[in-house]
Protein backbone atom coordinates (compact mmCIF):
# COMPACT_ATOMS: atom_id res chain seq x y z
CA MET A 1 -98.87 21.52 26.62
CA ARG A 2 -101.79 20.29 28.75
CA ASP A 3 -105.17 20.57 27.04
CA LYS A 4 -108.04 22.38 28.70
CA PRO A 5 -110.94 20.09 29.69
CA GLN A 6 -113.74 19.88 27.15
CA LEU A 7 -116.91 21.81 27.92
CA SER A 8 -120.47 20.57 27.58
CA PHE A 9 -122.85 21.76 24.89
CA TRP A 10 -124.70 24.01 27.33
CA GLN A 11 -121.50 25.52 28.70
CA ILE A 12 -120.50 26.48 25.16
CA TRP A 13 -124.06 27.73 24.56
CA ASN A 14 -123.92 30.04 27.60
CA MET A 15 -120.48 31.45 26.81
CA CYS A 16 -121.56 32.30 23.25
CA PHE A 17 -125.09 33.50 24.01
CA GLY A 18 -123.99 37.11 24.42
CA PHE A 19 -123.13 37.22 20.74
CA LEU A 20 -126.87 37.15 20.02
CA GLY A 21 -127.13 40.57 21.63
CA ILE A 22 -123.98 41.92 19.97
CA GLN A 23 -125.24 40.91 16.57
CA PHE A 24 -128.68 42.31 17.32
CA GLY A 25 -127.10 45.75 17.61
CA PHE A 26 -124.67 45.16 14.77
CA ALA A 27 -127.42 44.03 12.38
CA LEU A 28 -129.65 47.00 13.19
CA GLN A 29 -126.68 49.24 12.46
CA ASN A 30 -125.77 47.53 9.17
CA ALA A 31 -129.29 47.39 7.78
CA ASN A 32 -130.49 50.85 8.81
CA VAL A 33 -127.65 53.36 9.24
CA SER A 34 -127.40 54.22 5.52
CA ARG A 35 -131.18 54.69 5.52
CA ILE A 36 -130.95 56.99 8.57
CA PHE A 37 -128.14 58.99 6.96
CA GLN A 38 -130.08 59.43 3.72
CA THR A 39 -133.21 60.37 5.66
CA LEU A 40 -131.21 63.12 7.40
CA GLY A 41 -129.97 64.48 4.07
CA ALA A 42 -126.77 62.59 3.22
CA SER A 43 -125.93 62.31 -0.49
CA MET A 44 -124.92 58.98 -2.00
CA ASP A 45 -121.32 60.14 -2.45
CA THR A 46 -120.92 60.96 1.25
CA ILE A 47 -122.39 57.71 2.61
CA PRO A 48 -119.05 55.78 2.52
CA LEU A 49 -117.28 58.58 4.39
CA LEU A 50 -120.00 58.70 7.04
CA TRP A 51 -119.64 54.94 7.47
CA ILE A 52 -115.94 55.34 8.20
CA ALA A 53 -116.80 55.50 11.90
CA ALA A 54 -117.55 51.78 11.98
CA PRO A 55 -114.17 50.44 10.82
CA LEU A 56 -112.10 53.22 12.36
CA THR A 57 -113.47 52.65 15.85
CA GLY A 58 -112.74 48.95 15.46
CA LEU A 59 -109.18 49.75 14.40
CA LEU A 60 -108.65 51.85 17.52
CA VAL A 61 -110.69 49.99 20.10
CA GLN A 62 -110.17 46.28 19.51
CA PRO A 63 -106.38 46.02 19.93
CA ILE A 64 -106.51 48.26 23.02
CA VAL A 65 -109.31 46.22 24.58
CA GLY A 66 -107.51 43.00 23.66
CA TYR A 67 -104.25 44.22 25.20
CA TYR A 68 -105.83 45.31 28.46
CA SER A 69 -108.17 42.32 28.74
CA ASP A 70 -105.10 40.05 28.59
CA ARG A 71 -103.89 41.91 31.70
CA THR A 72 -107.23 42.19 33.56
CA TRP A 73 -108.41 40.01 36.41
CA HIS A 74 -111.43 40.88 38.55
CA PRO A 75 -112.32 38.48 41.40
CA VAL A 76 -116.00 38.44 40.39
CA LEU A 77 -116.17 39.36 36.69
CA GLY A 78 -112.91 37.71 35.62
CA ARG A 79 -110.78 38.58 32.61
CA ARG A 80 -113.01 39.32 29.63
CA ARG A 81 -116.44 39.82 31.24
CA PRO A 82 -115.77 43.35 32.59
CA TYR A 83 -115.46 44.46 28.97
CA PHE A 84 -118.65 42.61 28.02
CA LEU A 85 -120.52 44.61 30.66
CA VAL A 86 -119.13 48.06 29.81
CA GLY A 87 -119.64 47.56 26.07
CA ALA A 88 -123.21 46.34 26.56
CA LEU A 89 -124.24 49.34 28.67
CA LEU A 90 -122.77 51.89 26.25
CA ALA A 91 -124.08 50.17 23.10
CA SER A 92 -127.61 49.89 24.49
CA ALA A 93 -127.66 53.61 25.24
CA ALA A 94 -126.39 54.46 21.75
CA LEU A 95 -129.12 52.32 20.15
CA VAL A 96 -131.77 54.30 21.99
CA PHE A 97 -130.40 57.71 21.00
CA MET A 98 -129.32 57.14 17.35
CA PRO A 99 -132.76 57.05 15.62
CA ASN A 100 -133.70 60.25 17.47
CA SER A 101 -130.80 62.20 15.99
CA PRO A 102 -131.98 65.68 14.93
CA THR A 103 -129.16 66.20 12.41
CA LEU A 104 -126.93 64.16 10.14
CA TRP A 105 -123.77 64.95 12.08
CA ILE A 106 -125.25 63.91 15.41
CA ALA A 107 -126.25 60.60 13.80
CA ALA A 108 -122.70 60.20 12.47
CA GLY A 109 -121.27 60.89 15.93
CA LEU A 110 -123.61 58.36 17.52
CA LEU A 111 -122.46 55.77 14.98
CA TRP A 112 -118.95 56.26 16.40
CA VAL A 113 -120.27 55.70 19.92
CA LEU A 114 -122.36 52.68 18.92
CA ASP A 115 -119.62 50.97 16.97
CA ALA A 116 -116.96 51.63 19.60
CA SER A 117 -119.25 50.19 22.29
CA ILE A 118 -120.05 47.08 20.26
CA ASN A 119 -116.32 46.59 19.68
CA ILE A 120 -115.57 46.87 23.42
CA ALA A 121 -117.95 43.96 24.03
CA MET A 122 -117.21 41.95 20.88
CA GLU A 123 -113.39 41.73 20.86
CA PRO A 124 -113.11 39.85 24.18
CA PHE A 125 -115.74 37.33 22.99
CA ARG A 126 -113.33 36.14 20.28
CA ALA A 127 -110.53 35.70 22.80
CA TYR A 128 -113.00 34.16 25.30
CA VAL A 129 -113.54 31.10 23.11
CA GLY A 130 -109.79 30.68 22.69
CA ASP A 131 -109.33 31.03 26.47
CA GLN A 132 -111.98 28.51 27.49
CA LEU A 133 -111.95 25.77 24.85
CA PRO A 134 -109.35 23.16 23.88
CA PRO A 135 -108.23 23.23 20.22
CA LYS A 136 -110.59 20.43 19.14
CA GLN A 137 -113.65 22.34 20.39
CA ARG A 138 -112.72 25.76 19.00
CA PRO A 139 -114.39 25.25 15.58
CA THR A 140 -117.55 24.28 17.47
CA GLY A 141 -117.26 27.32 19.74
CA TYR A 142 -116.80 29.78 16.88
CA ALA A 143 -119.57 28.06 14.92
CA MET A 144 -121.82 28.49 17.95
CA GLN A 145 -121.01 32.20 17.90
CA SER A 146 -122.00 32.21 14.22
CA PHE A 147 -125.26 30.49 15.15
CA PHE A 148 -126.15 33.21 17.65
CA ILE A 149 -124.99 35.90 15.26
CA GLY A 150 -127.42 34.48 12.73
CA VAL A 151 -130.32 34.22 15.15
CA GLY A 152 -129.83 37.75 16.44
CA ALA A 153 -129.38 39.24 13.01
CA VAL A 154 -132.41 37.48 11.52
CA VAL A 155 -134.74 39.10 14.00
CA ALA A 156 -132.94 42.44 14.14
CA SER A 157 -132.66 42.89 10.38
CA ALA A 158 -136.34 42.13 9.87
CA LEU A 159 -137.59 44.18 12.83
CA PRO A 160 -138.54 47.36 10.91
CA TRP A 161 -140.42 45.26 8.34
CA LEU A 162 -142.13 43.22 11.07
CA LEU A 163 -143.14 46.37 12.92
CA THR A 164 -144.50 47.83 9.68
CA GLN A 165 -146.61 44.69 9.18
CA ALA A 166 -147.90 45.19 12.73
CA GLY A 167 -149.12 48.68 11.85
CA VAL A 168 -146.20 50.86 12.96
CA ALA A 169 -145.56 53.77 10.58
CA ASN A 170 -142.95 53.10 7.89
CA THR A 171 -142.73 56.69 6.66
CA ALA A 172 -142.17 60.01 8.42
CA PRO A 173 -141.91 63.69 7.55
CA GLU A 174 -138.75 64.76 5.77
CA GLY A 175 -135.73 64.64 8.06
CA GLN A 176 -137.32 62.26 10.59
CA VAL A 177 -136.64 58.55 11.04
CA PRO A 178 -139.78 56.36 10.72
CA ASP A 179 -141.25 54.85 13.89
CA SER A 180 -140.61 51.34 12.56
CA VAL A 181 -136.86 52.00 12.69
CA ARG A 182 -136.93 53.87 16.01
CA TYR A 183 -138.83 51.14 17.87
CA ALA A 184 -136.57 48.48 16.36
CA PHE A 185 -133.54 50.25 17.83
CA TYR A 186 -135.20 50.48 21.26
CA LEU A 187 -135.89 46.74 21.27
CA GLY A 188 -132.35 46.11 20.07
CA GLY A 189 -130.89 47.92 23.07
CA ALA A 190 -132.89 45.75 25.48
CA VAL A 191 -131.93 42.49 23.74
CA LEU A 192 -128.25 43.42 23.57
CA LEU A 193 -128.05 44.17 27.28
CA GLY A 194 -130.04 41.07 28.26
CA ALA A 195 -128.09 38.58 26.13
CA ILE A 196 -124.66 39.79 27.25
CA GLY A 197 -125.91 39.86 30.83
CA TRP A 198 -126.82 36.16 30.52
CA THR A 199 -123.28 35.24 29.46
CA ILE A 200 -121.77 37.32 32.28
CA LEU A 201 -123.96 35.62 34.91
CA SER A 202 -123.86 32.04 33.60
CA THR A 203 -120.14 31.53 32.85
CA ARG A 204 -116.80 31.48 34.59
CA GLU A 205 -113.23 32.12 33.43
CA TYR A 206 -109.86 30.52 34.07
CA ALA A 207 -107.65 32.55 36.39
CA PRO A 208 -104.37 33.83 34.87
CA GLU A 209 -102.29 31.16 36.61
CA GLN A 210 -104.54 28.42 35.22
CA LEU A 211 -104.19 29.73 31.67
CA ALA A 212 -100.44 29.99 32.15
CA ALA A 213 -100.35 26.32 33.18
CA PHE A 214 -102.19 25.27 30.01
CA ASP A 215 -99.66 27.26 27.98
CA ALA A 216 -96.57 26.28 29.96
CA ASP A 217 -94.86 24.33 27.20
CA ARG A 218 -95.03 27.17 24.67
CA PRO A 219 -91.74 29.12 24.57
CA PRO A 220 -92.02 32.81 25.50
CA GLU A 221 -91.97 35.34 22.68
CA ALA A 222 -88.76 37.32 22.41
CA GLU A 223 -88.60 41.03 21.66
CA PRO A 224 -88.03 41.81 17.96
CA ASP A 225 -84.29 42.11 17.30
CA ALA A 226 -82.65 45.37 16.27
CA ALA A 227 -82.57 44.46 12.60
CA ARG A 228 -86.32 43.77 12.50
CA ILE A 229 -87.10 47.01 14.32
CA ALA A 230 -84.85 48.97 11.95
CA SER A 231 -86.55 47.38 8.94
CA ALA A 232 -89.99 48.24 10.37
CA GLN A 233 -88.86 51.82 10.96
CA ALA A 234 -87.65 52.13 7.36
CA ARG A 235 -90.94 50.79 6.00
CA GLY A 236 -92.76 53.17 8.34
CA ASN A 237 -90.87 56.14 6.90
CA ILE A 238 -91.87 55.03 3.40
CA GLY A 239 -95.50 54.80 4.55
CA VAL A 240 -95.38 58.35 5.94
CA ALA A 241 -93.94 59.64 2.66
CA LEU A 242 -96.58 57.83 0.60
CA GLY A 243 -99.41 59.08 2.81
CA VAL A 244 -98.22 62.68 2.62
CA ALA A 245 -97.73 62.41 -1.16
CA LEU A 246 -101.24 61.03 -1.68
CA ALA A 247 -102.80 63.71 0.54
CA ALA A 248 -100.89 66.42 -1.34
CA ALA A 249 -102.08 65.01 -4.67
CA VAL A 250 -105.69 65.09 -3.48
CA LEU A 251 -105.27 68.69 -2.36
CA VAL A 252 -103.31 70.05 -5.33
CA LEU A 253 -104.71 67.99 -8.21
CA GLY A 254 -108.30 67.98 -6.98
CA TRP A 255 -108.59 64.20 -6.69
CA ASP A 256 -111.61 62.83 -4.87
CA ARG A 257 -111.63 63.75 -1.17
CA GLN A 258 -112.46 60.17 -0.20
CA LEU A 259 -108.80 59.39 -0.92
CA TYR A 260 -107.86 61.40 2.18
CA VAL A 261 -109.02 58.34 4.17
CA LEU A 262 -106.55 56.10 2.35
CA ALA A 263 -103.78 58.70 2.68
CA GLY A 264 -104.40 58.97 6.41
CA LEU A 265 -104.43 55.20 6.84
CA VAL A 266 -101.07 54.78 5.08
CA GLY A 267 -99.47 57.82 6.71
CA ILE A 268 -100.55 57.17 10.30
CA GLY A 269 -99.70 53.48 10.08
CA GLY A 270 -96.29 54.38 8.74
CA ALA A 271 -95.74 56.96 11.49
CA LEU A 272 -96.43 54.41 14.21
CA PHE A 273 -93.78 52.02 12.94
CA ALA A 274 -91.36 54.88 12.21
CA ALA A 275 -91.62 55.85 15.89
CA LEU A 276 -91.25 52.25 17.18
CA PRO A 277 -87.61 52.50 18.39
CA GLY A 278 -88.41 55.52 20.57
CA LEU A 279 -91.50 54.08 22.26
CA LYS A 280 -91.44 53.07 25.91
CA ARG A 281 -90.33 49.43 26.04
CA ASP A 282 -93.06 48.17 28.36
CA GLY A 283 -95.79 50.47 27.02
CA MET A 284 -99.01 49.33 25.35
CA LEU A 285 -98.24 50.75 21.92
CA ARG A 286 -94.72 49.30 21.83
CA ASN A 287 -96.04 45.88 22.84
CA ILE A 288 -98.83 45.86 20.25
CA LEU A 289 -96.51 46.97 17.43
CA SER A 290 -93.87 44.42 18.48
CA ASP A 291 -96.48 41.66 18.46
CA MET A 292 -97.52 42.74 14.98
CA LEU A 293 -93.93 42.33 13.80
CA GLN A 294 -93.87 38.80 15.21
CA MET A 295 -97.36 37.64 14.34
CA PRO A 296 -97.62 33.91 13.51
CA GLU A 297 -97.27 32.91 9.88
CA VAL A 298 -100.85 31.62 9.79
CA MET A 299 -102.05 35.07 10.85
CA LYS A 300 -100.18 36.70 7.97
CA GLN A 301 -101.72 34.26 5.50
CA LEU A 302 -105.21 34.78 6.91
CA ALA A 303 -104.75 38.55 6.68
CA LEU A 304 -105.26 38.54 2.91
CA VAL A 305 -108.26 36.23 3.22
CA GLN A 306 -109.85 38.59 5.72
CA PHE A 307 -109.02 41.68 3.69
CA PHE A 308 -110.89 40.59 0.58
CA SER A 309 -113.73 38.95 2.54
CA TRP A 310 -114.52 42.08 4.55
CA PHE A 311 -114.06 44.41 1.57
CA ALA A 312 -116.90 42.46 -0.06
CA LEU A 313 -119.10 42.58 3.05
CA PHE A 314 -118.61 46.32 3.50
CA ALA A 315 -119.70 46.88 -0.10
CA MET A 316 -122.91 44.99 0.68
CA TRP A 317 -123.65 46.85 3.91
CA ILE A 318 -123.15 50.28 2.37
CA TYR A 319 -124.82 49.87 -1.00
CA THR A 320 -127.48 47.15 -0.86
CA THR A 321 -130.32 49.48 0.17
CA ALA A 322 -129.50 52.08 -2.48
CA GLY A 323 -128.78 49.40 -5.09
CA VAL A 324 -132.00 47.46 -4.57
CA ALA A 325 -134.05 50.67 -4.37
CA ALA A 326 -132.69 51.98 -7.68
CA HIS A 327 -132.28 48.71 -9.59
CA HIS A 328 -135.31 46.74 -8.42
CA TYR A 329 -137.76 49.39 -7.14
CA GLY A 330 -136.88 52.25 -9.50
CA SER A 331 -136.41 54.95 -6.86
CA SER A 332 -133.48 56.87 -5.38
CA ASP A 333 -135.66 59.30 -3.39
CA PRO A 334 -135.38 58.56 0.39
CA THR A 335 -138.80 60.14 1.01
CA SER A 336 -140.64 57.91 -1.49
CA ARG A 337 -142.66 54.88 -0.50
CA GLU A 338 -140.74 52.78 -3.06
CA PHE A 339 -137.39 53.65 -1.47
CA ASN A 340 -138.66 52.86 2.04
CA ASP A 341 -140.28 49.64 0.83
CA ALA A 342 -136.89 48.72 -0.63
CA GLY A 343 -135.24 49.59 2.70
CA ASP A 344 -137.63 47.31 4.57
CA TRP A 345 -137.09 44.52 2.02
CA VAL A 346 -133.31 44.84 2.36
CA GLY A 347 -133.84 44.36 6.09
CA VAL A 348 -135.67 41.13 5.26
CA LEU A 349 -132.84 40.10 2.90
CA PHE A 350 -130.30 40.78 5.61
CA ALA A 351 -132.41 38.72 8.00
CA ALA A 352 -132.50 35.96 5.39
CA TYR A 353 -128.74 35.74 4.92
CA ASN A 354 -128.34 35.57 8.67
CA GLY A 355 -131.01 32.88 8.77
CA PHE A 356 -129.12 30.85 6.20
CA ALA A 357 -126.00 31.48 8.29
CA ILE A 358 -127.72 29.64 11.15
CA VAL A 359 -128.05 26.59 8.93
CA ALA A 360 -124.46 26.96 7.75
CA ALA A 361 -123.21 27.27 11.36
CA MET A 362 -124.70 23.84 12.09
CA LEU A 363 -123.15 22.35 8.94
CA ILE A 364 -119.68 23.88 9.31
CA PRO A 365 -118.41 21.55 12.11
CA LEU A 366 -119.57 18.54 10.06
CA LEU A 367 -117.87 19.82 6.90
CA VAL A 368 -114.69 20.61 8.81
CA ARG A 369 -114.51 17.04 10.10
CA SER A 370 -115.08 15.77 6.56
CA VAL A 371 -112.92 17.97 4.31
CA GLY A 372 -111.05 20.28 6.71
CA ALA A 373 -111.41 23.92 7.72
CA ARG A 374 -109.52 25.38 4.77
CA ALA A 375 -111.51 23.60 2.06
CA THR A 376 -114.77 24.37 3.85
CA HIS A 377 -113.94 28.08 3.95
CA ILE A 378 -113.08 28.15 0.24
CA VAL A 379 -116.41 26.59 -0.71
CA MET A 380 -118.34 29.00 1.51
CA LEU A 381 -116.59 32.07 0.06
CA LEU A 382 -117.40 30.93 -3.48
CA CYS A 383 -121.05 30.55 -2.42
CA GLY A 384 -120.92 34.18 -1.28
CA ALA A 385 -119.50 35.29 -4.62
CA ALA A 386 -122.35 33.56 -6.46
CA GLY A 387 -124.90 35.20 -4.17
CA PHE A 388 -123.54 38.70 -4.75
CA GLY A 389 -123.21 38.26 -8.49
CA SER A 390 -126.81 37.10 -8.83
CA PHE A 391 -128.15 40.51 -7.69
CA LEU A 392 -127.47 41.86 -11.17
CA LEU A 393 -129.21 38.94 -12.88
CA ILE A 394 -132.43 38.79 -10.83
CA GLY A 395 -135.19 41.23 -11.74
CA ASP A 396 -137.88 40.38 -9.18
CA PRO A 397 -136.67 41.52 -5.73
CA ARG A 398 -138.53 38.65 -4.08
CA TRP A 399 -136.13 36.21 -5.72
CA LEU A 400 -133.18 37.96 -4.11
CA LEU A 401 -133.92 35.70 -1.16
CA ALA A 402 -132.21 32.97 -3.19
CA SER A 403 -129.09 35.15 -3.46
CA MET A 404 -128.97 35.32 0.31
CA VAL A 405 -128.33 31.57 0.59
CA GLY A 406 -124.79 31.98 -0.72
CA VAL A 407 -124.21 35.18 1.23
CA GLY A 408 -125.36 33.53 4.46
CA PHE A 409 -123.08 30.53 4.01
CA ALA A 410 -120.11 32.83 3.38
CA TRP A 411 -121.02 34.99 6.38
CA ALA A 412 -121.18 32.03 8.77
CA SER A 413 -117.79 30.82 7.61
CA ILE A 414 -116.15 34.27 7.80
CA LEU A 415 -117.33 34.62 11.39
CA SER A 416 -115.97 31.26 12.51
CA LEU A 417 -113.32 29.45 10.49
CA PRO A 418 -110.61 32.16 10.27
CA TYR A 419 -110.72 32.44 14.08
CA ALA A 420 -110.60 28.68 14.52
CA LEU A 421 -107.63 28.48 12.12
CA LEU A 422 -105.91 31.32 13.96
CA ALA A 423 -106.54 30.46 17.62
CA ASN A 424 -104.45 27.27 17.56
CA SER A 425 -101.36 29.27 16.63
CA LEU A 426 -101.71 31.90 19.39
CA PRO A 427 -100.23 31.90 22.91
CA ALA A 428 -102.90 32.01 25.61
CA ARG A 429 -101.24 34.93 27.37
CA LYS A 430 -101.62 37.08 24.26
CA MET A 431 -104.91 35.73 22.91
CA GLY A 432 -106.73 39.05 23.38
CA THR A 433 -103.94 41.15 21.88
CA TYR A 434 -103.60 39.00 18.78
CA MET A 435 -107.37 38.75 18.29
CA GLY A 436 -107.45 42.55 18.50
CA VAL A 437 -104.60 42.87 15.99
CA PHE A 438 -106.39 40.35 13.74
CA ASN A 439 -109.24 42.83 13.65
CA PHE A 440 -106.93 45.15 11.65
CA PHE A 441 -107.50 42.83 8.72
CA ILE A 442 -111.24 43.35 9.09
CA VAL A 443 -111.02 47.10 9.59
CA ILE A 444 -108.40 48.06 7.02
CA PRO A 445 -110.40 46.68 4.07
CA GLN A 446 -113.43 48.60 5.27
CA LEU A 447 -111.41 51.81 5.39
CA VAL A 448 -110.07 51.08 1.92
CA ALA A 449 -113.62 50.39 0.75
CA ALA A 450 -114.77 53.71 2.22
CA SER A 451 -111.99 55.39 0.22
CA VAL A 452 -112.33 53.71 -3.16
CA LEU A 453 -115.78 52.14 -3.55
CA GLY A 454 -117.44 55.45 -4.37
CA LEU A 455 -114.73 56.18 -6.93
CA LEU A 456 -115.03 52.74 -8.53
CA LEU A 457 -118.78 53.13 -8.86
CA ARG A 458 -118.60 56.70 -10.15
CA TYR A 459 -115.91 56.19 -12.77
CA GLY A 460 -116.45 52.54 -13.63
CA PHE A 461 -120.19 51.98 -13.29
CA GLY A 462 -121.90 55.34 -13.73
CA SER A 463 -122.61 55.67 -9.98
CA GLU A 464 -125.00 52.71 -10.11
CA PRO A 465 -124.84 51.28 -6.55
CA ILE A 466 -125.96 47.78 -7.57
CA TYR A 467 -122.52 47.22 -9.12
CA ALA A 468 -120.93 47.40 -5.66
CA LEU A 469 -122.23 43.85 -5.25
CA LEU A 470 -120.41 42.77 -8.41
CA ILE A 471 -117.21 44.23 -6.95
CA GLY A 472 -117.98 42.26 -3.79
CA ALA A 473 -118.38 39.04 -5.76
CA ILE A 474 -114.95 39.47 -7.33
CA SER A 475 -113.47 40.20 -3.91
CA PHE A 476 -114.92 36.96 -2.49
CA VAL A 477 -113.31 34.96 -5.31
CA VAL A 478 -109.93 36.54 -4.54
CA ALA A 479 -110.41 35.70 -0.83
CA ALA A 480 -111.09 32.06 -1.73
CA ALA A 481 -107.89 31.94 -3.80
CA CYS A 482 -105.90 33.39 -0.89
CA THR A 483 -107.29 30.71 1.44
CA LEU A 484 -105.39 28.10 -0.56
CA ARG A 485 -102.16 29.55 0.87
CA VAL A 486 -103.15 29.16 4.53
CA ARG A 487 -100.99 26.61 6.35
CA LEU A 488 -102.94 24.41 8.75
CA VAL A 489 -101.84 24.15 12.40
CA ALA A 490 -102.85 21.14 14.47
């Protein structure tokens, strides 16, 4: 297999620059959506369910975008860049409208639009690095994406706090989002569109025949045989039965309604595989499900690593504001100055972990050359576990900045090394599809977290949100243990 030519530093810089804009929008969403929901009247118990839009849109959008981007070629925009452009335009519009939502349910609907749009732009960026770079440069390419993710998120996460320091109002009448948050979202829309526009204008892509030539020595993937399809169908039928049984138990026995999410996830996933033999052979759904049945072994091993890593991250994004407000500032009232001060400080903390991720992104290629990608990822995940666990031990919220060192190092690694480990095992002609399918192992843990985190906190920790970070610390340790099983591919 002929290697692609190596790219210069500035070529890699330009192709990854758009991730600065993507993360600008993503960070504003992560740091402020729970605050917006609570401002518009959401109770703590409903926050995880409202957040379900974020992972569910990723589950639906990323594999579809990956599948079609593998089959797209525009004479001017190329293969992946048409999706960059569409996602950027839609996400920028959603950022402008979300903080002006008059009701909770409009805000929840706009979260669906925002997250779907970000996913339309983001998924092809992962495949883009795999398309353009030879295997030896892929860790550098994904680390560069982590660098821009960190830079964008540092500024975006701190924007409400910075605007407050500049004199913009940090409080508002009940049911209205403060100006500091609204103006931050407006700026975020402009940055997102500008950064992705730079990548679109400053880069080029290999034509399909060129990519095929680089991948010529890789044998074509065969259709799953009848036995494998029959086995998948049987497991799908079991999944349908389990999903229906869980939903019935929630309905009849009065179990927590959040478990409907888990029931739906199991049941719908099972139904798709149960229907596999009857799907059109050359159709999108049949192709995606068939590729899932034949995913590379490395991808299966990384699935568990991703599951526990993103379960931990979702716990942080949902509960850090409420946890810090209650545990460190002594307030759970969204209209109080203490709660809003805590919200602004969490924005600074989120900026800090992304700032430390910038440092980590520069260190990761050096560590990979020294000890390897797998060992580097294990160390970074354990740093994240230590950072999460320290939230319960630190009393002064200012010192939580130290906790963010470990979180930032884990974040940089999660955004880069699993993709670098995976890309070398994927065929170029299906890079987008498999990167989209790989997103399942980011989305599914978030859906599980939306189903069970509230229950774990309510029945195990007296509904104290700060303990979500302890659960996240344990999840990071499990992810590190799973990384030991990942087989390295040259």
